[in-house]
Amino acid sequence: MATFSEESLPTSTPENKLEESISEADLFQHDEASNPTSADSQEKQAQEELQIYQDKYIRLAAEFENYKRRAQRDQSDAIRYANESLLKNLLSTLDNLERAIQCGKDAGASGALLEGVELTHKQFLETVGKLGVSQVSSTGSLFDPTMHQAVAQVESETAEPNTVVEEFQKGYFLHDRILRPAMVTVAKEKSDQTETITHDTGEEGGIQT
């Protein structure tokens, strides 16, 4: 029966491990050298993915900037036009003051009462003016559907067509936004309704009986 001593058994020495590592490294390098296109394609794919992520980041950053600008604009408009509803309701008071002044003048009234109403109207306009309210220009100007509301059309020999000739109710702006359009009458071209009347006297040289 054969026996083996410990010295005859194969052993793994550090030198053997080093040789194995060197052999594996050489094999890996040999594989890469034998297939260079694989490394190039991986690098190209990585560059493409990087470009995709960069494009997504740029688009996302641009969308966020647009969102911030819209949010700031909406906030600014909300502050700028916060009193729109209240000011619109106050316009009827201005209308009544103007009617009272006009009625007083038509009746030939004068004195402290009429002056007091006129002063109140003036102060009212100054107060709402500080909040951004201003009157719409109407009489004598061209009709603008964004500022005027036409309630009638009249023929006019003096005013150009599509010109405002009369104002029934004043219009107002709130800053650059129309608060209430003006109710107006607009001029139109004068139509020629003259008809030529001809009389039939018969044929020339005819025999009259």
C-alpha atoms as a PDB file:
ATOM      1  CA  MET A   1       0.000   0.000   0.000  1.00  0.00           C
ATOM      2  CA  ALA A   2       1.479   3.300  -1.126  1.00  0.00           C
ATOM      3  CA  THR A   3       1.728   6.173   1.305  1.00  0.00           C
ATOM      4  CA  PHE A   4       2.194   9.869   0.599  1.00  0.00           C
ATOM      5  CA  SER A   5       4.123  12.172   2.788  1.00  0.00           C
ATOM      6  CA  GLU A   6       3.057  15.729   3.471  1.00  0.00           C
ATOM      7  CA  GLU A   7       5.953  16.974   1.429  1.00  0.00           C
ATOM      8  CA  SER A   8       4.698  15.125  -1.658  1.00  0.00           C
ATOM      9  CA  LEU A   9       1.196  16.853  -1.516  1.00  0.00           C
ATOM     10  CA  PRO A  10       0.711  19.854  -3.909  1.00  0.00           C
ATOM     11  CA  THR A  11       0.757  23.170  -2.116  1.00  0.00           C
ATOM     12  CA  SER A  12      -0.349  26.650  -3.191  1.00  0.00           C
ATOM     13  CA  THR A  13       2.425  29.115  -2.611  1.00  0.00           C
ATOM     14  CA  PRO A  14       2.285  32.913  -2.893  1.00  0.00           C
ATOM     15  CA  GLU A  15       4.423  32.615  -5.997  1.00  0.00           C
ATOM     16  CA  ASN A  16       1.830  30.361  -7.575  1.00  0.00           C
ATOM     17  CA  LYS A  17      -0.996  32.803  -6.708  1.00  0.00           C
ATOM     18  CA  LEU A  18       0.971  35.716  -8.184  1.00  0.00           C
ATOM     19  CA  GLU A  19       1.555  33.770 -11.346  1.00  0.00           C
ATOM     20  CA  GLU A  20      -2.160  32.956 -11.592  1.00  0.00           C
ATOM     21  CA  SER A  21      -3.128  36.641 -11.126  1.00  0.00           C
ATOM     22  CA  ILE A  22      -0.655  37.726 -13.781  1.00  0.00           C
ATOM     23  CA  SER A  23      -2.021  35.087 -16.122  1.00  0.00           C
ATOM     24  CA  GLU A  24      -5.625  36.277 -15.589  1.00  0.00           C
ATOM     25  CA  ALA A  25      -4.625  39.910 -16.149  1.00  0.00           C
ATOM     26  CA  ASP A  26      -2.816  38.976 -19.320  1.00  0.00           C
ATOM     27  CA  LEU A  27      -5.851  37.037 -20.468  1.00  0.00           C
ATOM     28  CA  PHE A  28      -8.175  40.033 -19.771  1.00  0.00           C
ATOM     29  CA  GLN A  29      -5.887  42.397 -21.619  1.00  0.00           C
ATOM     30  CA  HIS A  30      -5.683  39.944 -24.466  1.00  0.00           C
ATOM     31  CA  ASP A  31      -9.504  39.784 -24.643  1.00  0.00           C
ATOM     32  CA  GLU A  32      -9.784  43.587 -24.733  1.00  0.00           C
ATOM     33  CA  ALA A  33      -7.062  43.831 -27.343  1.00  0.00           C
ATOM     34  CA  SER A  34      -8.783  41.213 -29.435  1.00  0.00           C
ATOM     35  CA  ASN A  35     -12.185  43.059 -29.207  1.00  0.00           C
ATOM     36  CA  PRO A  36     -11.556  46.865 -29.266  1.00  0.00           C
ATOM     37  CA  THR A  37     -14.991  47.664 -30.677  1.00  0.00           C
ATOM     38  CA  SER A  38     -16.711  46.483 -27.498  1.00  0.00           C
ATOM     39  CA  ALA A  39     -15.048  49.172 -25.356  1.00  0.00           C
ATOM     40  CA  ASP A  40     -15.730  51.849 -27.995  1.00  0.00           C
ATOM     41  CA  SER A  41     -19.402  50.961 -28.215  1.00  0.00           C
ATOM     42  CA  GLN A  42     -19.770  51.058 -24.437  1.00  0.00           C
ATOM     43  CA  GLU A  43     -18.138  54.498 -24.308  1.00  0.00           C
ATOM     44  CA  LYS A  44     -20.355  55.734 -27.130  1.00  0.00           C
ATOM     45  CA  GLN A  45     -23.464  54.446 -25.363  1.00  0.00           C
ATOM     46  CA  ALA A  46     -22.381  56.145 -22.134  1.00  0.00           C
ATOM     47  CA  GLN A  47     -21.884  59.447 -24.012  1.00  0.00           C
ATOM     48  CA  GLU A  48     -25.337  59.156 -25.598  1.00  0.00           C
ATOM     49  CA  GLU A  49     -26.976  58.502 -22.235  1.00  0.00           C
ATOM     50  CA  LEU A  50     -25.107  61.461 -20.743  1.00  0.00           C
ATOM     51  CA  GLN A  51     -26.358  63.710 -23.558  1.00  0.00           C
ATOM     52  CA  ILE A  52     -29.935  62.530 -23.001  1.00  0.00           C
ATOM     53  CA  TYR A  53     -29.762  63.346 -19.289  1.00  0.00           C
ATOM     54  CA  GLN A  54     -28.209  66.743 -20.019  1.00  0.00           C
ATOM     55  CA  ASP A  55     -31.024  67.590 -22.471  1.00  0.00           C
ATOM     56  CA  LYS A  56     -33.629  66.537 -19.918  1.00  0.00           C
ATOM     57  CA  TYR A  57     -31.966  68.715 -17.282  1.00  0.00           C
ATOM     58  CA  ILE A  58     -31.867  71.739 -19.585  1.00  0.00           C
ATOM     59  CA  ARG A  59     -35.563  71.332 -20.505  1.00  0.00           C
ATOM     60  CA  LEU A  60     -36.535  70.877 -16.872  1.00  0.00           C
ATOM     61  CA  ALA A  61     -34.585  73.977 -15.843  1.00  0.00           C
ATOM     62  CA  ALA A  62     -36.238  76.035 -18.622  1.00  0.00           C
ATOM     63  CA  GLU A  63     -39.720  74.830 -17.626  1.00  0.00           C
ATOM     64  CA  PHE A  64     -39.030  75.705 -14.011  1.00  0.00           C
ATOM     65  CA  GLU A  65     -37.903  79.220 -14.966  1.00  0.00           C
ATOM     66  CA  ASN A  66     -41.085  79.697 -17.032  1.00  0.00           C
ATOM     67  CA  TYR A  67     -43.155  78.471 -14.109  1.00  0.00           C
ATOM     68  CA  LYS A  68     -41.468  80.933 -11.753  1.00  0.00           C
ATOM     69  CA  ARG A  69     -42.108  83.830 -14.160  1.00  0.00           C
ATOM     70  CA  ARG A  70     -45.773  82.860 -14.545  1.00  0.00           C
ATOM     71  CA  ALA A  71     -46.186  82.533 -10.789  1.00  0.00           C
ATOM     72  CA  GLN A  72     -44.590  85.939 -10.204  1.00  0.00           C
ATOM     73  CA  ARG A  73     -46.763  87.535 -12.908  1.00  0.00           C
ATOM     74  CA  ASP A  74     -49.924  85.963 -11.486  1.00  0.00           C
ATOM     75  CA  GLN A  75     -49.008  87.153  -8.016  1.00  0.00           C
ATOM     76  CA  SER A  76     -48.312  90.669  -9.283  1.00  0.00           C
ATOM     77  CA  ASP A  77     -51.630  90.776 -11.181  1.00  0.00           C
ATOM     78  CA  ALA A  78     -53.507  89.500  -8.142  1.00  0.00           C
ATOM     79  CA  ILE A  79     -52.113  92.399  -6.096  1.00  0.00           C
ATOM     80  CA  ARG A  80     -52.536  94.963  -8.894  1.00  0.00           C
ATOM     81  CA  TYR A  81     -56.181  94.110  -9.581  1.00  0.00           C
ATOM     82  CA  ALA A  82     -57.216  93.005  -6.092  1.00  0.00           C
ATOM     83  CA  ASN A  83     -59.772  95.858  -5.794  1.00  0.00           C
ATOM     84  CA  GLU A  84     -61.309  95.353  -9.244  1.00  0.00           C
ATOM     85  CA  SER A  85     -64.665  94.070  -8.015  1.00  0.00           C
ATOM     86  CA  LEU A  86     -65.018  96.784  -5.351  1.00  0.00           C
ATOM     87  CA  LEU A  87     -64.071  99.601  -7.722  1.00  0.00           C
ATOM     88  CA  LYS A  88     -66.479  98.341 -10.373  1.00  0.00           C
ATOM     89  CA  ASN A  89     -69.328  98.485  -7.861  1.00  0.00           C
ATOM     90  CA  LEU A  90     -68.379 102.059  -6.940  1.00  0.00           C
ATOM     91  CA  LEU A  91     -68.815 103.260 -10.528  1.00  0.00           C
ATOM     92  CA  SER A  92     -72.586 103.461 -10.093  1.00  0.00           C
ATOM     93  CA  THR A  93     -72.024 106.023  -7.310  1.00  0.00           C
ATOM     94  CA  LEU A  94     -69.918 108.091  -9.690  1.00  0.00           C
ATOM     95  CA  ASP A  95     -72.698 107.860 -12.287  1.00  0.00           C
ATOM     96  CA  ASN A  96     -75.288 109.111  -9.775  1.00  0.00           C
ATOM     97  CA  LEU A  97     -73.103 112.048  -8.760  1.00  0.00           C
ATOM     98  CA  GLU A  98     -72.661 113.009 -12.409  1.00  0.00           C
ATOM     99  CA  ARG A  99     -76.422 112.785 -13.011  1.00  0.00           C
ATOM    100  CA  ALA A 100     -77.120 114.929  -9.950  1.00  0.00           C
ATOM    101  CA  ILE A 101     -74.701 117.601 -11.189  1.00  0.00           C
ATOM    102  CA  GLN A 102     -76.173 117.550 -14.703  1.00  0.00           C
ATOM    103  CA  CYS A 103     -79.749 117.731 -13.394  1.00  0.00           C
ATOM    104  CA  GLY A 104     -78.807 120.684 -11.190  1.00  0.00           C
ATOM    105  CA  LYS A 105     -77.251 122.529 -14.114  1.00  0.00           C
ATOM    106  CA  ASP A 106     -80.234 121.778 -16.376  1.00  0.00           C
ATOM    107  CA  ALA A 107     -82.581 123.142 -13.697  1.00  0.00           C
ATOM    108  CA  GLY A 108     -80.495 126.279 -13.389  1.00  0.00           C
ATOM    109  CA  ALA A 109     -79.515 125.493  -9.818  1.00  0.00           C
ATOM    110  CA  SER A 110     -76.478 127.149  -8.285  1.00  0.00           C
ATOM    111  CA  GLY A 111     -75.005 127.788  -4.891  1.00  0.00           C
ATOM    112  CA  ALA A 112     -73.389 125.760  -2.147  1.00  0.00           C
ATOM    113  CA  LEU A 113     -75.410 122.576  -2.728  1.00  0.00           C
ATOM    114  CA  LEU A 114     -74.351 122.151  -6.345  1.00  0.00           C
ATOM    115  CA  GLU A 115     -70.774 123.115  -5.509  1.00  0.00           C
ATOM    116  CA  GLY A 116     -70.739 120.538  -2.713  1.00  0.00           C
ATOM    117  CA  VAL A 117     -71.897 117.778  -5.067  1.00  0.00           C
ATOM    118  CA  GLU A 118     -69.282 118.790  -7.645  1.00  0.00           C
ATOM    119  CA  LEU A 119     -66.564 118.792  -4.982  1.00  0.00           C
ATOM    120  CA  THR A 120     -67.641 115.347  -3.789  1.00  0.00           C
ATOM    121  CA  HIS A 121     -67.519 114.046  -7.349  1.00  0.00           C
ATOM    122  CA  LYS A 122     -64.061 115.519  -7.862  1.00  0.00           C
ATOM    123  CA  GLN A 123     -62.692 113.992  -4.658  1.00  0.00           C
ATOM    124  CA  PHE A 124     -64.271 110.655  -5.546  1.00  0.00           C
ATOM    125  CA  LEU A 125     -62.458 110.654  -8.904  1.00  0.00           C
ATOM    126  CA  GLU A 126     -59.174 111.582  -7.242  1.00  0.00           C
ATOM    127  CA  THR A 127     -59.542 108.774  -4.704  1.00  0.00           C
ATOM    128  CA  VAL A 128     -60.231 106.031  -7.239  1.00  0.00           C
ATOM    129  CA  GLY A 129     -57.561 107.552  -9.492  1.00  0.00           C
ATOM    130  CA  LYS A 130     -54.957 106.825  -6.829  1.00  0.00           C
ATOM    131  CA  LEU A 131     -56.010 103.161  -7.087  1.00  0.00           C
ATOM    132  CA  GLY A 132     -55.430 103.120 -10.852  1.00  0.00           C
ATOM    133  CA  VAL A 133     -58.878 104.080 -12.187  1.00  0.00           C
ATOM    134  CA  SER A 134     -59.037 106.417 -15.208  1.00  0.00           C
ATOM    135  CA  GLN A 135     -61.772 107.416 -17.658  1.00  0.00           C
ATOM    136  CA  VAL A 136     -62.068 106.052 -21.199  1.00  0.00           C
ATOM    137  CA  SER A 137     -61.834 108.632 -23.981  1.00  0.00           C
ATOM    138  CA  SER A 138     -65.032 108.424 -26.026  1.00  0.00           C
ATOM    139  CA  THR A 139     -66.691 111.397 -27.749  1.00  0.00           C
ATOM    140  CA  GLY A 140     -64.884 112.320 -30.954  1.00  0.00           C
ATOM    141  CA  SER A 141     -62.645 109.249 -30.947  1.00  0.00           C
ATOM    142  CA  LEU A 142     -62.842 106.229 -33.219  1.00  0.00           C
ATOM    143  CA  PHE A 143     -65.052 103.409 -32.017  1.00  0.00           C
ATOM    144  CA  ASP A 144     -63.011 100.675 -30.314  1.00  0.00           C
ATOM    145  CA  PRO A 145     -64.945  97.521 -29.368  1.00  0.00           C
ATOM    146  CA  THR A 146     -62.452  96.807 -26.578  1.00  0.00           C
ATOM    147  CA  MET A 147     -63.311 100.118 -24.855  1.00  0.00           C
ATOM    148  CA  HIS A 148     -66.743 101.089 -26.187  1.00  0.00           C
ATOM    149  CA  GLN A 149     -70.152  99.447 -26.224  1.00  0.00           C
ATOM    150  CA  ALA A 150     -72.258 100.726 -29.113  1.00  0.00           C
ATOM    151  CA  VAL A 151     -75.937 101.104 -28.238  1.00  0.00           C
ATOM    152  CA  ALA A 152     -76.984 102.967 -31.383  1.00  0.00           C
ATOM    153  CA  GLN A 153     -75.836 104.210 -34.782  1.00  0.00           C
ATOM    154  CA  VAL A 154     -76.808 107.541 -36.277  1.00  0.00           C
ATOM    155  CA  GLU A 155     -76.234 109.168 -39.640  1.00  0.00           C
ATOM    156  CA  SER A 156     -74.022 112.217 -39.408  1.00  0.00           C
ATOM    157  CA  GLU A 157     -72.915 114.830 -41.917  1.00  0.00           C
ATOM    158  CA  THR A 158     -70.189 116.232 -39.657  1.00  0.00           C
ATOM    159  CA  ALA A 159     -68.638 113.177 -38.002  1.00  0.00           C
ATOM    160  CA  GLU A 160     -66.617 110.531 -39.787  1.00  0.00           C
ATOM    161  CA  PRO A 161     -68.116 107.039 -39.995  1.00  0.00           C
ATOM    162  CA  ASN A 162     -67.287 104.770 -37.060  1.00  0.00           C
ATOM    163  CA  THR A 163     -66.708 107.779 -34.803  1.00  0.00           C
ATOM    164  CA  VAL A 164     -68.264 108.150 -31.355  1.00  0.00           C
ATOM    165  CA  VAL A 165     -70.696 111.068 -31.428  1.00  0.00           C
ATOM    166  CA  GLU A 166     -72.421 110.708 -28.054  1.00  0.00           C
ATOM    167  CA  GLU A 167     -71.677 109.063 -24.699  1.00  0.00           C
ATOM    168  CA  PHE A 168     -74.489 107.679 -22.568  1.00  0.00           C
ATOM    169  CA  GLN A 169     -72.339 106.227 -19.810  1.00  0.00           C
ATOM    170  CA  LYS A 170     -68.663 106.810 -19.074  1.00  0.00           C
ATOM    171  CA  GLY A 171     -66.178 103.970 -19.321  1.00  0.00           C
ATOM    172  CA  TYR A 172     -63.236 103.380 -16.996  1.00  0.00           C
ATOM    173  CA  PHE A 173     -59.861 101.649 -16.977  1.00  0.00           C
ATOM    174  CA  LEU A 174     -58.206  99.925 -14.048  1.00  0.00           C
ATOM    175  CA  HIS A 175     -54.535 100.415 -14.874  1.00  0.00           C
ATOM    176  CA  ASP A 176     -54.284  98.941 -18.401  1.00  0.00           C
ATOM    177  CA  ARG A 177     -57.375  96.736 -18.116  1.00  0.00           C
ATOM    178  CA  ILE A 178     -60.888  97.839 -19.042  1.00  0.00           C
ATOM    179  CA  LEU A 179     -62.998  98.098 -15.894  1.00  0.00           C
ATOM    180  CA  ARG A 180     -66.213  99.076 -17.678  1.00  0.00           C
ATOM    181  CA  PRO A 181     -66.727  99.915 -21.357  1.00  0.00           C
ATOM    182  CA  ALA A 182     -68.338 103.212 -22.297  1.00  0.00           C
ATOM    183  CA  MET A 183     -71.879 103.105 -23.711  1.00  0.00           C
ATOM    184  CA  VAL A 184     -71.850 105.229 -26.869  1.00  0.00           C
ATOM    185  CA  THR A 185     -73.576 106.176 -30.106  1.00  0.00           C
ATOM    186  CA  VAL A 186     -71.540 105.692 -33.273  1.00  0.00           C
ATOM    187  CA  ALA A 187     -71.767 107.643 -36.532  1.00  0.00           C
ATOM    188  CA  LYS A 188     -72.432 105.910 -39.823  1.00  0.00           C
ATOM    189  CA  GLU A 189     -72.479 107.004 -43.433  1.00  0.00           C
ATOM    190  CA  LYS A 190     -75.462 109.009 -44.571  1.00  0.00           C
ATOM    191  CA  SER A 191     -77.506 106.968 -47.005  1.00  0.00           C
ATOM    192  CA  ASP A 192     -78.838 108.602 -50.195  1.00  0.00           C
ATOM    193  CA  GLN A 193     -82.570 107.975 -50.237  1.00  0.00           C
ATOM    194  CA  THR A 194     -83.384 110.432 -53.057  1.00  0.00           C
ATOM    195  CA  GLU A 195     -85.241 108.658 -55.832  1.00  0.00           C
ATOM    196  CA  THR A 196     -85.332 109.940 -59.396  1.00  0.00           C
ATOM    197  CA  ILE A 197     -88.910 110.156 -60.656  1.00  0.00           C
ATOM    198  CA  THR A 198     -89.450 110.049 -64.431  1.00  0.00           C
ATOM    199  CA  HIS A 199     -92.668 110.788 -66.309  1.00  0.00           C
ATOM    200  CA  ASP A 200     -93.610 108.868 -69.436  1.00  0.00           C
ATOM    201  CA  THR A 201     -94.811 111.368 -72.068  1.00  0.00           C
ATOM    202  CA  GLY A 202     -95.051 108.867 -74.905  1.00  0.00           C
ATOM    203  CA  GLU A 203     -93.014 108.525 -78.039  1.00  0.00           C
ATOM    204  CA  GLU A 204     -91.806 111.541 -79.947  1.00  0.00           C
ATOM    205  CA  GLY A 205     -93.688 112.194 -83.147  1.00  0.00           C
ATOM    206  CA  GLY A 206     -96.593 110.060 -82.013  1.00  0.00           C
ATOM    207  CA  ILE A 207    -100.109 110.859 -82.986  1.00  0.00           C
ATOM    208  CA  GLN A 208    -101.992 112.517 -80.162  1.00  0.00           C
ATOM    209  CA  THR A 209    -105.668 111.944 -79.972  1.00  0.00           C
END
